PDB file of N, CA and C in Angstrom:
ATOM      1  N   MET A   1       0.820  -1.046   0.201  1.00  0.00           N
ATOM      2  CA  MET A   1      -0.024   0.023   0.046  1.00  0.00           C
ATOM      3  C   MET A   1       0.864   1.240  -0.056  1.00  0.00           C
ATOM      4  N   ALA A   2       0.501   2.487  -0.709  1.00  0.00           N
ATOM      5  CA  ALA A   2       1.194   3.563  -0.635  1.00  0.00           C
ATOM      6  C   ALA A   2       0.367   4.618  -0.587  1.00  0.00           C
ATOM      7  N   VAL A   3       0.828   5.890  -0.113  1.00  0.00           N
ATOM      8  CA  VAL A   3      -0.089   7.131   0.016  1.00  0.00           C
ATOM      9  C   VAL A   3       0.705   8.201  -0.499  1.00  0.00           C
ATOM     10  N   LYS A   4       0.161   9.016  -1.465  1.00  0.00           N
ATOM     11  CA  LYS A   4       0.550  10.282  -1.870  1.00  0.00           C
ATOM     12  C   LYS A   4      -0.187  11.357  -1.539  1.00  0.00           C
ATOM     13  N   GLU A   5       0.397  12.385  -1.218  1.00  0.00           N
ATOM     14  CA  GLU A   5      -0.303  13.515  -0.794  1.00  0.00           C
ATOM     15  C   GLU A   5      -0.125  14.786  -1.642  1.00  0.00           C
ATOM     16  N   LYS A   6      -1.245  15.504  -1.910  1.00  0.00           N
ATOM     17  CA  LYS A   6      -0.755  16.859  -2.643  1.00  0.00           C
ATOM     18  C   LYS A   6      -1.992  17.865  -2.039  1.00  0.00           C
ATOM     19  N   ILE A   7      -1.670  19.054  -1.996  1.00  0.00           N
ATOM     20  CA  ILE A   7      -2.555  19.976  -1.688  1.00  0.00           C
ATOM     21  C   ILE A   7      -3.040  20.828  -2.791  1.00  0.00           C
ATOM     22  N   VAL A   8      -4.329  20.866  -2.934  1.00  0.00           N
ATOM     23  CA  VAL A   8      -4.968  21.494  -3.971  1.00  0.00           C
ATOM     24  C   VAL A   8      -5.689  22.796  -3.164  1.00  0.00           C
ATOM     25  N   ASP A   9      -5.222  24.095  -3.463  1.00  0.00           N
ATOM     26  CA  ASP A   9      -5.903  25.174  -2.661  1.00  0.00           C
ATOM     27  C   ASP A   9      -5.817  24.979  -1.203  1.00  0.00           C
ATOM     28  N   ASP A  10      -7.008  24.606  -0.594  1.00  0.00           N
ATOM     29  CA  ASP A  10      -6.802  24.662   1.034  1.00  0.00           C
ATOM     30  C   ASP A  10      -7.339  23.133   1.411  1.00  0.00           C
ATOM     31  N   VAL A  11      -7.242  22.368   0.400  1.00  0.00           N
ATOM     32  CA  VAL A  11      -7.751  20.777   0.417  1.00  0.00           C
ATOM     33  C   VAL A  11      -6.458  19.744   0.224  1.00  0.00           C
ATOM     34  N   ALA A  12      -6.353  18.751   1.295  1.00  0.00           N
ATOM     35  CA  ALA A  12      -5.360  17.908   1.269  1.00  0.00           C
ATOM     36  C   ALA A  12      -6.120  16.611   0.483  1.00  0.00           C
ATOM     37  N   VAL A  13      -5.477  16.077  -0.671  1.00  0.00           N
ATOM     38  CA  VAL A  13      -5.601  14.861  -1.325  1.00  0.00           C
ATOM     39  C   VAL A  13      -4.834  13.915  -1.102  1.00  0.00           C
ATOM     40  N   LEU A  14      -5.300  12.704  -0.401  1.00  0.00           N
ATOM     41  CA  LEU A  14      -4.549  11.650   0.058  1.00  0.00           C
ATOM     42  C   LEU A  14      -4.661  10.629  -1.034  1.00  0.00           C
ATOM     43  N   THR A  15      -3.947  10.026  -1.876  1.00  0.00           N
ATOM     44  CA  THR A  15      -4.283   9.075  -2.840  1.00  0.00           C
ATOM     45  C   THR A  15      -3.629   7.715  -2.285  1.00  0.00           C
ATOM     46  N   ILE A  16      -4.736   6.763  -2.138  1.00  0.00           N
ATOM     47  CA  ILE A  16      -3.948   5.375  -1.487  1.00  0.00           C
ATOM     48  C   ILE A  16      -3.970   4.318  -2.701  1.00  0.00           C
ATOM     49  N   SER A  17      -2.916   3.589  -2.511  1.00  0.00           N
ATOM     50  CA  SER A  17      -2.980   2.745  -3.830  1.00  0.00           C
ATOM     51  C   SER A  17      -2.824   1.027  -3.208  1.00  0.00           C
ATOM     52  N   GLY A  18      -3.353   0.149  -3.518  1.00  0.00           N
ATOM     53  CA  GLY A  18      -3.184  -1.210  -3.217  1.00  0.00           C
ATOM     54  C   GLY A  18      -4.420  -1.652  -2.239  1.00  0.00           C
ATOM     55  N   LYS A  19      -4.231  -2.334  -0.964  1.00  0.00           N
ATOM     56  CA  LYS A  19      -5.389  -2.736  -0.351  1.00  0.00           C
ATOM     57  C   LYS A  19      -5.177  -2.115   1.197  1.00  0.00           C
ATOM     58  N   LEU A  20      -6.590  -1.854   1.804  1.00  0.00           N
ATOM     59  CA  LEU A  20      -6.459  -1.254   2.981  1.00  0.00           C
ATOM     60  C   LEU A  20      -6.782  -2.359   3.939  1.00  0.00           C
ATOM     61  N   MET A  21      -5.905  -3.268   4.287  1.00  0.00           N
ATOM     62  CA  MET A  21      -5.960  -4.519   4.923  1.00  0.00           C
ATOM     63  C   MET A  21      -5.468  -4.300   6.435  1.00  0.00           C
ATOM     64  N   GLY A  22      -5.471  -3.293   6.978  1.00  0.00           N
ATOM     65  CA  GLY A  22      -5.051  -2.977   8.482  1.00  0.00           C
ATOM     66  C   GLY A  22      -3.169  -3.157   8.498  1.00  0.00           C
ATOM     67  N   GLY A  23      -2.797  -3.243   9.771  1.00  0.00           N
ATOM     68  CA  GLY A  23      -1.469  -2.932   9.874  1.00  0.00           C
ATOM     69  C   GLY A  23      -1.096  -1.521   9.972  1.00  0.00           C
ATOM     70  N   PRO A  24       0.464  -1.362  10.207  1.00  0.00           N
ATOM     71  CA  PRO A  24       0.850  -0.209  10.257  1.00  0.00           C
ATOM     72  C   PRO A  24       0.775   0.889   9.099  1.00  0.00           C
ATOM     73  N   GLU A  25       0.805   0.284   7.776  1.00  0.00           N
ATOM     74  CA  GLU A  25       0.446   1.141   6.709  1.00  0.00           C
ATOM     75  C   GLU A  25      -0.774   1.754   6.724  1.00  0.00           C
ATOM     76  N   THR A  26      -1.752   0.929   6.899  1.00  0.00           N
ATOM     77  CA  THR A  26      -3.407   1.562   6.958  1.00  0.00           C
ATOM     78  C   THR A  26      -3.299   2.531   7.887  1.00  0.00           C
ATOM     79  N   TRP A  27      -2.691   2.358   9.223  1.00  0.00           N
ATOM     80  CA  TRP A  27      -2.807   3.350  10.166  1.00  0.00           C
ATOM     81  C   TRP A  27      -1.971   4.649   9.715  1.00  0.00           C
ATOM     82  N   ALA A  28      -0.972   4.526   9.022  1.00  0.00           N
ATOM     83  CA  ALA A  28      -0.232   5.605   8.811  1.00  0.00           C
ATOM     84  C   ALA A  28      -0.848   6.483   8.061  1.00  0.00           C
ATOM     85  N   VAL A  29      -2.147   6.299   7.502  1.00  0.00           N
ATOM     86  CA  VAL A  29      -3.093   7.354   6.712  1.00  0.00           C
ATOM     87  C   VAL A  29      -3.892   7.885   7.725  1.00  0.00           C
ATOM     88  N   HIS A  30      -4.200   7.626   9.044  1.00  0.00           N
ATOM     89  CA  HIS A  30      -4.741   8.126  10.203  1.00  0.00           C
ATOM     90  C   HIS A  30      -3.667   9.260  10.758  1.00  0.00           C
ATOM     91  N   SER A  31      -2.746   8.691  10.886  1.00  0.00           N
ATOM     92  CA  SER A  31      -1.474   9.515  11.285  1.00  0.00           C
ATOM     93  C   SER A  31      -1.265  10.594  10.556  1.00  0.00           C
ATOM     94  N   LYS A  32      -1.345  10.577   9.242  1.00  0.00           N
ATOM     95  CA  LYS A  32      -1.055  11.655   8.158  1.00  0.00           C
ATOM     96  C   LYS A  32      -2.231  12.645   8.252  1.00  0.00           C
ATOM     97  N   VAL A  33      -3.731  12.131   8.523  1.00  0.00           N
ATOM     98  CA  VAL A  33      -4.712  12.871   8.690  1.00  0.00           C
ATOM     99  C   VAL A  33      -4.610  13.817   9.917  1.00  0.00           C
ATOM    100  N   LYS A  34      -4.126  13.346  10.872  1.00  0.00           N
ATOM    101  CA  LYS A  34      -3.851  14.059  12.395  1.00  0.00           C
ATOM    102  C   LYS A  34      -2.952  15.085  12.220  1.00  0.00           C
ATOM    103  N   SER A  35      -1.637  14.609  11.346  1.00  0.00           N
ATOM    104  CA  SER A  35      -0.708  15.570  11.184  1.00  0.00           C
ATOM    105  C   SER A  35      -1.037  16.855  10.190  1.00  0.00           C
ATOM    106  N   LEU A  36      -2.108  16.412   9.298  1.00  0.00           N
ATOM    107  CA  LEU A  36      -2.800  17.596   8.687  1.00  0.00           C
ATOM    108  C   LEU A  36      -3.497  18.639   9.238  1.00  0.00           C
ATOM    109  N   ILE A  37      -4.337  18.011  10.304  1.00  0.00           N
ATOM    110  CA  ILE A  37      -5.114  18.670  11.206  1.00  0.00           C
ATOM    111  C   ILE A  37      -4.113  19.637  12.090  1.00  0.00           C
ATOM    112  N   ALA A  38      -2.962  19.001  12.595  1.00  0.00           N
ATOM    113  CA  ALA A  38      -2.123  19.856  13.380  1.00  0.00           C
ATOM    114  C   ALA A  38      -1.415  21.008  12.687  1.00  0.00           C
ATOM    115  N   ASP A  39      -1.604  20.809  11.241  1.00  0.00           N
ATOM    116  CA  ASP A  39      -0.964  21.981  10.350  1.00  0.00           C
ATOM    117  C   ASP A  39      -2.113  22.822   9.974  1.00  0.00           C
ATOM    118  N   LYS A  40      -3.410  22.752  10.469  1.00  0.00           N
ATOM    119  CA  LYS A  40      -4.323  23.621  10.299  1.00  0.00           C
ATOM    120  C   LYS A  40      -5.219  23.106   9.001  1.00  0.00           C
ATOM    121  N   VAL A  41      -5.043  21.943   8.588  1.00  0.00           N
ATOM    122  CA  VAL A  41      -5.587  21.516   7.161  1.00  0.00           C
ATOM    123  C   VAL A  41      -6.589  20.641   7.638  1.00  0.00           C
ATOM    124  N   ASN A  42      -7.964  21.079   7.340  1.00  0.00           N
ATOM    125  CA  ASN A  42      -9.011  20.307   7.794  1.00  0.00           C
ATOM    126  C   ASN A  42     -10.155  20.010   6.863  1.00  0.00           C
ATOM    127  N   LYS A  43      -9.741  20.042   5.681  1.00  0.00           N
ATOM    128  CA  LYS A  43     -10.496  19.557   4.494  1.00  0.00           C
ATOM    129  C   LYS A  43      -9.628  18.619   3.863  1.00  0.00           C
ATOM    130  N   VAL A  44     -10.215  17.233   3.731  1.00  0.00           N
ATOM    131  CA  VAL A  44      -9.251  16.134   3.243  1.00  0.00           C
ATOM    132  C   VAL A  44      -9.983  15.433   2.390  1.00  0.00           C
ATOM    133  N   VAL A  45      -9.649  14.851   1.244  1.00  0.00           N
ATOM    134  CA  VAL A  45     -10.132  13.926   0.420  1.00  0.00           C
ATOM    135  C   VAL A  45      -9.247  12.826   0.145  1.00  0.00           C
ATOM    136  N   ILE A  46      -9.813  11.755   0.576  1.00  0.00           N
ATOM    137  CA  ILE A  46      -8.994  10.332   0.322  1.00  0.00           C
ATOM    138  C   ILE A  46      -9.576   9.668  -0.718  1.00  0.00           C
ATOM    139  N   ASP A  47      -8.639   9.634  -1.668  1.00  0.00           N
ATOM    140  CA  ASP A  47      -8.902   8.883  -3.085  1.00  0.00           C
ATOM    141  C   ASP A  47      -8.710   7.477  -3.138  1.00  0.00           C
ATOM    142  N   LEU A  48      -9.839   6.720  -3.303  1.00  0.00           N
ATOM    143  CA  LEU A  48      -9.644   5.292  -3.005  1.00  0.00           C
ATOM    144  C   LEU A  48      -9.596   4.914  -4.410  1.00  0.00           C
ATOM    145  N   SER A  49      -9.479   5.567  -5.740  1.00  0.00           N
ATOM    146  CA  SER A  49      -9.405   4.949  -7.033  1.00  0.00           C
ATOM    147  C   SER A  49      -8.531   3.891  -7.341  1.00  0.00           C
ATOM    148  N   LYS A  50      -7.464   3.738  -6.678  1.00  0.00           N
ATOM    149  CA  LYS A  50      -6.643   2.878  -6.705  1.00  0.00           C
ATOM    150  C   LYS A  50      -6.419   1.736  -5.817  1.00  0.00           C
ATOM    151  N   VAL A  51      -7.440   1.809  -4.884  1.00  0.00           N
ATOM    152  CA  VAL A  51      -7.551   0.733  -3.930  1.00  0.00           C
ATOM    153  C   VAL A  51      -8.446  -0.456  -4.306  1.00  0.00           C
ATOM    154  N   LYS A  52      -7.975  -1.806  -4.278  1.00  0.00           N
ATOM    155  CA  LYS A  52      -8.476  -2.815  -4.540  1.00  0.00           C
ATOM    156  C   LYS A  52      -9.611  -3.467  -3.563  1.00  0.00           C
ATOM    157  N   TRP A  53      -9.286  -3.318  -2.378  1.00  0.00           N
ATOM    158  CA  TRP A  53      -9.925  -3.820  -1.322  1.00  0.00           C
ATOM    159  C   TRP A  53      -9.775  -3.516  -0.132  1.00  0.00           C
ATOM    160  N   VAL A  54     -10.971  -3.288   0.787  1.00  0.00           N
ATOM    161  CA  VAL A  54     -10.896  -2.746   1.991  1.00  0.00           C
ATOM    162  C   VAL A  54     -11.194  -3.599   3.069  1.00  0.00           C
ATOM    163  N   ASN A  55     -10.826  -4.199   4.118  1.00  0.00           N
ATOM    164  CA  ASN A  55     -11.250  -5.072   5.130  1.00  0.00           C
ATOM    165  C   ASN A  55     -11.845  -4.180   6.322  1.00  0.00           C
ATOM    166  N   SER A  56     -12.128  -4.887   7.404  1.00  0.00           N
ATOM    167  CA  SER A  56     -13.008  -4.158   8.438  1.00  0.00           C
ATOM    168  C   SER A  56     -11.950  -3.102   9.268  1.00  0.00           C
ATOM    169  N   GLN A  57     -10.480  -3.509   9.170  1.00  0.00           N
ATOM    170  CA  GLN A  57      -9.516  -2.572   9.709  1.00  0.00           C
ATOM    171  C   GLN A  57      -9.367  -1.361   8.932  1.00  0.00           C
ATOM    172  N   GLY A  58      -9.452  -1.407   7.642  1.00  0.00           N
ATOM    173  CA  GLY A  58      -9.241  -0.531   6.679  1.00  0.00           C
ATOM    174  C   GLY A  58     -10.679   0.576   6.873  1.00  0.00           C
ATOM    175  N   LEU A  59     -11.624   0.042   7.188  1.00  0.00           N
ATOM    176  CA  LEU A  59     -12.866   0.593   7.231  1.00  0.00           C
ATOM    177  C   LEU A  59     -12.866   1.667   8.695  1.00  0.00           C
ATOM    178  N   GLY A  60     -12.292   0.699   9.804  1.00  0.00           N
ATOM    179  CA  GLY A  60     -12.097   1.275  10.993  1.00  0.00           C
ATOM    180  C   GLY A  60     -11.149   2.663  10.854  1.00  0.00           C
ATOM    181  N   MET A  61     -10.145   2.592   9.923  1.00  0.00           N
ATOM    182  CA  MET A  61      -9.214   3.600   9.808  1.00  0.00           C
ATOM    183  C   MET A  61      -9.745   4.870   9.175  1.00  0.00           C
ATOM    184  N   LEU A  62     -10.683   4.479   8.091  1.00  0.00           N
ATOM    185  CA  LEU A  62     -11.406   5.535   7.400  1.00  0.00           C
ATOM    186  C   LEU A  62     -12.459   6.285   8.475  1.00  0.00           C
ATOM    187  N   MET A  63     -13.145   5.729   9.386  1.00  0.00           N
ATOM    188  CA  MET A  63     -13.906   6.203  10.405  1.00  0.00           C
ATOM    189  C   MET A  63     -13.193   7.001  11.285  1.00  0.00           C
ATOM    190  N   SER A  64     -11.944   6.372  11.596  1.00  0.00           N
ATOM    191  CA  SER A  64     -10.937   7.274  12.470  1.00  0.00           C
ATOM    192  C   SER A  64     -10.745   8.662  11.851  1.00  0.00           C
ATOM    193  N   CYS A  65     -10.424   8.539  10.749  1.00  0.00           N
ATOM    194  CA  CYS A  65      -9.984   9.871  10.125  1.00  0.00           C
ATOM    195  C   CYS A  65     -11.209  10.765  10.018  1.00  0.00           C
ATOM    196  N   PHE A  66     -12.436  10.011   9.647  1.00  0.00           N
ATOM    197  CA  PHE A  66     -13.721  10.936   9.539  1.00  0.00           C
ATOM    198  C   PHE A  66     -13.836  11.535  10.933  1.00  0.00           C
ATOM    199  N   THR A  67     -13.713  11.067  11.972  1.00  0.00           N
ATOM    200  CA  THR A  67     -14.062  11.409  13.340  1.00  0.00           C
ATOM    201  C   THR A  67     -13.004  12.529  13.838  1.00  0.00           C
ATOM    202  N   SER A  68     -11.697  12.211  13.637  1.00  0.00           N
ATOM    203  CA  SER A  68     -10.717  13.091  13.846  1.00  0.00           C
ATOM    204  C   SER A  68     -10.876  14.569  13.115  1.00  0.00           C
ATOM    205  N   LEU A  69     -11.391  14.383  11.971  1.00  0.00           N
ATOM    206  CA  LEU A  69     -11.699  15.736  11.083  1.00  0.00           C
ATOM    207  C   LEU A  69     -12.817  16.433  11.691  1.00  0.00           C
ATOM    208  N   LYS A  70     -14.006  15.409  11.830  1.00  0.00           N
ATOM    209  CA  LYS A  70     -15.271  16.124  12.349  1.00  0.00           C
ATOM    210  C   LYS A  70     -14.839  16.973  13.740  1.00  0.00           C
ATOM    211  N   ASN A  71     -14.260  16.338  14.745  1.00  0.00           N
ATOM    212  CA  ASN A  71     -13.678  16.961  15.947  1.00  0.00           C
ATOM    213  C   ASN A  71     -12.974  18.088  15.722  1.00  0.00           C
ATOM    214  N   ALA A  72     -12.164  18.356  14.519  1.00  0.00           N
ATOM    215  CA  ALA A  72     -11.634  19.550  14.445  1.00  0.00           C
ATOM    216  C   ALA A  72     -12.170  20.516  13.431  1.00  0.00           C
ATOM    217  N   ASN A  73     -13.551  20.237  13.476  1.00  0.00           N
ATOM    218  CA  ASN A  73     -14.560  21.205  12.682  1.00  0.00           C
ATOM    219  C   ASN A  73     -13.946  21.106  11.127  1.00  0.00           C
ATOM    220  N   GLY A  74     -13.573  19.811  10.786  1.00  0.00           N
ATOM    221  CA  GLY A  74     -13.112  19.588   9.507  1.00  0.00           C
ATOM    222  C   GLY A  74     -14.289  18.766   8.650  1.00  0.00           C
ATOM    223  N   HIS A  75     -13.815  18.364   7.422  1.00  0.00           N
ATOM    224  CA  HIS A  75     -14.560  17.343   6.646  1.00  0.00           C
ATOM    225  C   HIS A  75     -13.810  16.593   5.880  1.00  0.00           C
ATOM    226  N   LEU A  76     -14.177  15.190   5.642  1.00  0.00           N
ATOM    227  CA  LEU A  76     -13.671  14.093   5.061  1.00  0.00           C
ATOM    228  C   LEU A  76     -14.514  13.815   3.821  1.00  0.00           C
ATOM    229  N   LYS A  77     -13.797  13.944   2.798  1.00  0.00           N
ATOM    230  CA  LYS A  77     -14.621  13.297   1.603  1.00  0.00           C
ATOM    231  C   LYS A  77     -13.796  12.054   0.714  1.00  0.00           C
ATOM    232  N   ILE A  78     -14.850  11.136   0.373  1.00  0.00           N
ATOM    233  CA  ILE A  78     -13.923   9.935  -0.114  1.00  0.00           C
ATOM    234  C   ILE A  78     -14.371   9.985  -1.440  1.00  0.00           C
ATOM    235  N   ALA A  79     -13.256   9.767  -2.366  1.00  0.00           N
ATOM    236  CA  ALA A  79     -13.498   9.857  -3.963  1.00  0.00           C
ATOM    237  C   ALA A  79     -12.784   8.659  -4.510  1.00  0.00           C
ATOM    238  N   GLY A  80     -13.410   8.429  -5.783  1.00  0.00           N
ATOM    239  CA  GLY A  80     -12.982   7.267  -6.571  1.00  0.00           C
ATOM    240  C   GLY A  80     -13.303   5.820  -5.843  1.00  0.00           C
ATOM    241  N   ALA A  81     -14.022   5.711  -5.087  1.00  0.00           N
ATOM    242  CA  ALA A  81     -14.212   4.218  -4.650  1.00  0.00           C
ATOM    243  C   ALA A  81     -14.679   3.229  -5.783  1.00  0.00           C
ATOM    244  N   THR A  82     -14.086   2.306  -5.918  1.00  0.00           N
ATOM    245  CA  THR A  82     -14.230   1.209  -7.001  1.00  0.00           C
ATOM    246  C   THR A  82     -15.707   0.722  -6.546  1.00  0.00           C
ATOM    247  N   GLN A  83     -16.278  -0.224  -7.526  1.00  0.00           N
ATOM    248  CA  GLN A  83     -17.761  -0.786  -7.244  1.00  0.00           C
ATOM    249  C   GLN A  83     -17.684  -1.527  -5.957  1.00  0.00           C
ATOM    250  N   LYS A  84     -16.425  -2.379  -6.171  1.00  0.00           N
ATOM    251  CA  LYS A  84     -16.179  -3.152  -4.783  1.00  0.00           C
ATOM    252  C   LYS A  84     -16.345  -2.789  -3.531  1.00  0.00           C
ATOM    253  N   VAL A  85     -15.501  -1.708  -3.296  1.00  0.00           N
ATOM    254  CA  VAL A  85     -15.347  -0.889  -2.352  1.00  0.00           C
ATOM    255  C   VAL A  85     -16.841   0.012  -1.818  1.00  0.00           C
ATOM    256  N   ASN A  86     -17.427   0.414  -2.791  1.00  0.00           N
ATOM    257  CA  ASN A  86     -18.738   1.330  -2.749  1.00  0.00           C
ATOM    258  C   ASN A  86     -19.799   0.185  -2.387  1.00  0.00           C
ATOM    259  N   SER A  87     -19.826  -1.285  -2.661  1.00  0.00           N
ATOM    260  CA  SER A  87     -20.675  -2.098  -2.101  1.00  0.00           C
ATOM    261  C   SER A  87     -20.320  -2.387  -0.801  1.00  0.00           C
ATOM    262  N   LEU A  88     -19.163  -2.357  -0.332  1.00  0.00           N
ATOM    263  CA  LEU A  88     -18.818  -2.473   0.997  1.00  0.00           C
ATOM    264  C   LEU A  88     -19.432  -1.339   1.756  1.00  0.00           C
ATOM    265  N   PHE A  89     -19.230  -0.145   1.384  1.00  0.00           N
ATOM    266  CA  PHE A  89     -19.654   1.016   2.177  1.00  0.00           C
ATOM    267  C   PHE A  89     -21.423   0.785   2.130  1.00  0.00           C
ATOM    268  N   MET A  90     -22.174   0.339   1.280  1.00  0.00           N
ATOM    269  CA  MET A  90     -23.572   0.195   1.060  1.00  0.00           C
ATOM    270  C   MET A  90     -23.721  -1.080   2.141  1.00  0.00           C
ATOM    271  N   LEU A  91     -22.992  -1.848   1.945  1.00  0.00           N
ATOM    272  CA  LEU A  91     -23.491  -3.013   3.034  1.00  0.00           C
ATOM    273  C   LEU A  91     -23.350  -2.785   4.531  1.00  0.00           C
ATOM    274  N   THR A  92     -22.181  -2.010   4.761  1.00  0.00           N
ATOM    275  CA  THR A  92     -22.003  -1.654   6.165  1.00  0.00           C
ATOM    276  C   THR A  92     -22.764  -0.165   6.482  1.00  0.00           C
ATOM    277  N   ARG A  93     -23.501   0.374   5.566  1.00  0.00           N
ATOM    278  CA  ARG A  93     -24.288   1.621   5.573  1.00  0.00           C
ATOM    279  C   ARG A  93     -23.262   2.608   5.886  1.00  0.00           C
ATOM    280  N   LEU A  94     -22.206   2.581   5.609  1.00  0.00           N
ATOM    281  CA  LEU A  94     -21.343   3.886   5.698  1.00  0.00           C
ATOM    282  C   LEU A  94     -21.320   4.728   4.676  1.00  0.00           C
ATOM    283  N   ILE A  95     -22.055   4.352   3.497  1.00  0.00           N
ATOM    284  CA  ILE A  95     -22.632   5.210   2.285  1.00  0.00           C
ATOM    285  C   ILE A  95     -23.147   6.502   3.220  1.00  0.00           C
ATOM    286  N   THR A  96     -23.989   6.086   4.185  1.00  0.00           N
ATOM    287  CA  THR A  96     -24.749   7.275   4.851  1.00  0.00           C
ATOM    288  C   THR A  96     -23.944   8.141   5.707  1.00  0.00           C
ATOM    289  N   VAL A  97     -22.689   7.739   6.053  1.00  0.00           N
ATOM    290  CA  VAL A  97     -21.834   8.474   7.026  1.00  0.00           C
ATOM    291  C   VAL A  97     -20.826   9.367   5.932  1.00  0.00           C
ATOM    292  N   PHE A  98     -20.391   8.522   4.939  1.00  0.00           N
ATOM    293  CA  PHE A  98     -19.129   9.418   4.389  1.00  0.00           C
ATOM    294  C   PHE A  98     -19.734  10.076   3.142  1.00  0.00           C
ATOM    295  N   ASP A  99     -19.111  11.179   2.661  1.00  0.00           N
ATOM    296  CA  ASP A  99     -19.422  12.075   1.808  1.00  0.00           C
ATOM    297  C   ASP A  99     -18.656  11.512   0.571  1.00  0.00           C
ATOM    298  N   THR A 100     -19.347  11.034  -0.565  1.00  0.00           N
ATOM    299  CA  THR A 100     -18.598  10.490  -1.476  1.00  0.00           C
ATOM    300  C   THR A 100     -18.759  11.222  -2.795  1.00  0.00           C
ATOM    301  N   CYS A 101     -17.526  11.086  -3.761  1.00  0.00           N
ATOM    302  CA  CYS A 101     -17.711  11.892  -5.038  1.00  0.00           C
ATOM    303  C   CYS A 101     -16.874  10.738  -6.028  1.00  0.00           C
ATOM    304  N   GLU A 102     -17.331  11.051  -7.329  1.00  0.00           N
ATOM    305  CA  GLU A 102     -16.663  10.233  -8.286  1.00  0.00           C
ATOM    306  C   GLU A 102     -15.169  10.331  -8.370  1.00  0.00           C
ATOM    307  N   THR A 103     -14.787  11.448  -8.370  1.00  0.00           N
ATOM    308  CA  THR A 103     -13.331  11.637  -8.739  1.00  0.00           C
ATOM    309  C   THR A 103     -12.868  12.654  -7.471  1.00  0.00           C
ATOM    310  N   ALA A 104     -11.553  12.547  -7.185  1.00  0.00           N
ATOM    311  CA  ALA A 104     -10.946  13.488  -6.429  1.00  0.00           C
ATOM    312  C   ALA A 104     -10.868  15.018  -6.705  1.00  0.00           C
ATOM    313  N   ASP A 105     -11.010  15.189  -8.298  1.00  0.00           N
ATOM    314  CA  ASP A 105     -11.222  16.681  -8.572  1.00  0.00           C
ATOM    315  C   ASP A 105     -12.339  17.169  -8.240  1.00  0.00           C
ATOM    316  N   ARG A 106     -13.564  16.370  -8.379  1.00  0.00           N
ATOM    317  CA  ARG A 106     -14.874  16.549  -8.098  1.00  0.00           C
ATOM    318  C   ARG A 106     -14.970  16.933  -6.686  1.00  0.00           C
ATOM    319  N   ALA A 107     -14.270  16.248  -5.860  1.00  0.00           N
ATOM    320  CA  ALA A 107     -14.582  16.190  -4.390  1.00  0.00           C
ATOM    321  C   ALA A 107     -13.760  17.572  -3.835  1.00  0.00           C
ATOM    322  N   VAL A 108     -12.702  17.850  -4.462  1.00  0.00           N
ATOM    323  CA  VAL A 108     -11.916  19.126  -4.241  1.00  0.00           C
ATOM    324  C   VAL A 108     -12.925  20.363  -4.596  1.00  0.00           C
ATOM    325  N   ALA A 109     -13.410  20.242  -5.648  1.00  0.00           N
ATOM    326  CA  ALA A 109     -14.536  21.296  -6.171  1.00  0.00           C
ATOM    327  C   ALA A 109     -15.615  21.480  -5.268  1.00  0.00           C
ATOM    328  N   SER A 110     -15.972  20.325  -4.851  1.00  0.00           N
ATOM    329  CA  SER A 110     -17.297  20.570  -3.946  1.00  0.00           C
ATOM    330  C   SER A 110     -16.974  21.261  -2.770  1.00  0.00           C
ATOM    331  N   PHE A 111     -15.786  21.302  -2.354  1.00  0.00           N
ATOM    332  CA  PHE A 111     -15.437  22.196  -1.061  1.00  0.00           C
ATOM    333  C   PHE A 111     -15.671  23.572  -1.301  1.00  0.00           C
ATOM    334  N   HIS A 112     -15.763  24.033  -2.685  1.00  0.00           N
ATOM    335  CA  HIS A 112     -15.585  25.373  -2.989  1.00  0.00           C
ATOM    336  C   HIS A 112     -17.247  25.847  -3.522  1.00  0.00           C
ATOM    337  N   ASN A 113     -17.955  25.008  -3.211  1.00  0.00           N
ATOM    338  CA  ASN A 113     -19.522  25.406  -3.715  1.00  0.00           C
ATOM    339  C   ASN A 113     -20.123  26.190  -2.671  1.00  0.00           C
TER     340      ASN A 113
END
């Protein structure tokens, strides 16, 4: 799993590739989000377009990111979830929690509407 970060205007975009299957790599994403919050960046897009699968630990990490940002008066958007990952969101009803967009660009633009 790999994480790339870029800042677009005042929004951090974290692009994850590989699988979100738990372990230190998965939780490094949450650490990155907490570090962004510490740097006063509280609008974050997590781009899952290159993620093949998410297990329960991966979902837990995404929920932790969501909670950390919400507690900092921030907002998390999930972008580019594959059909497989989206069905998991529907099955767990997290689709009602996460603000999802088709692409990272649309997610960034939606912060400025």
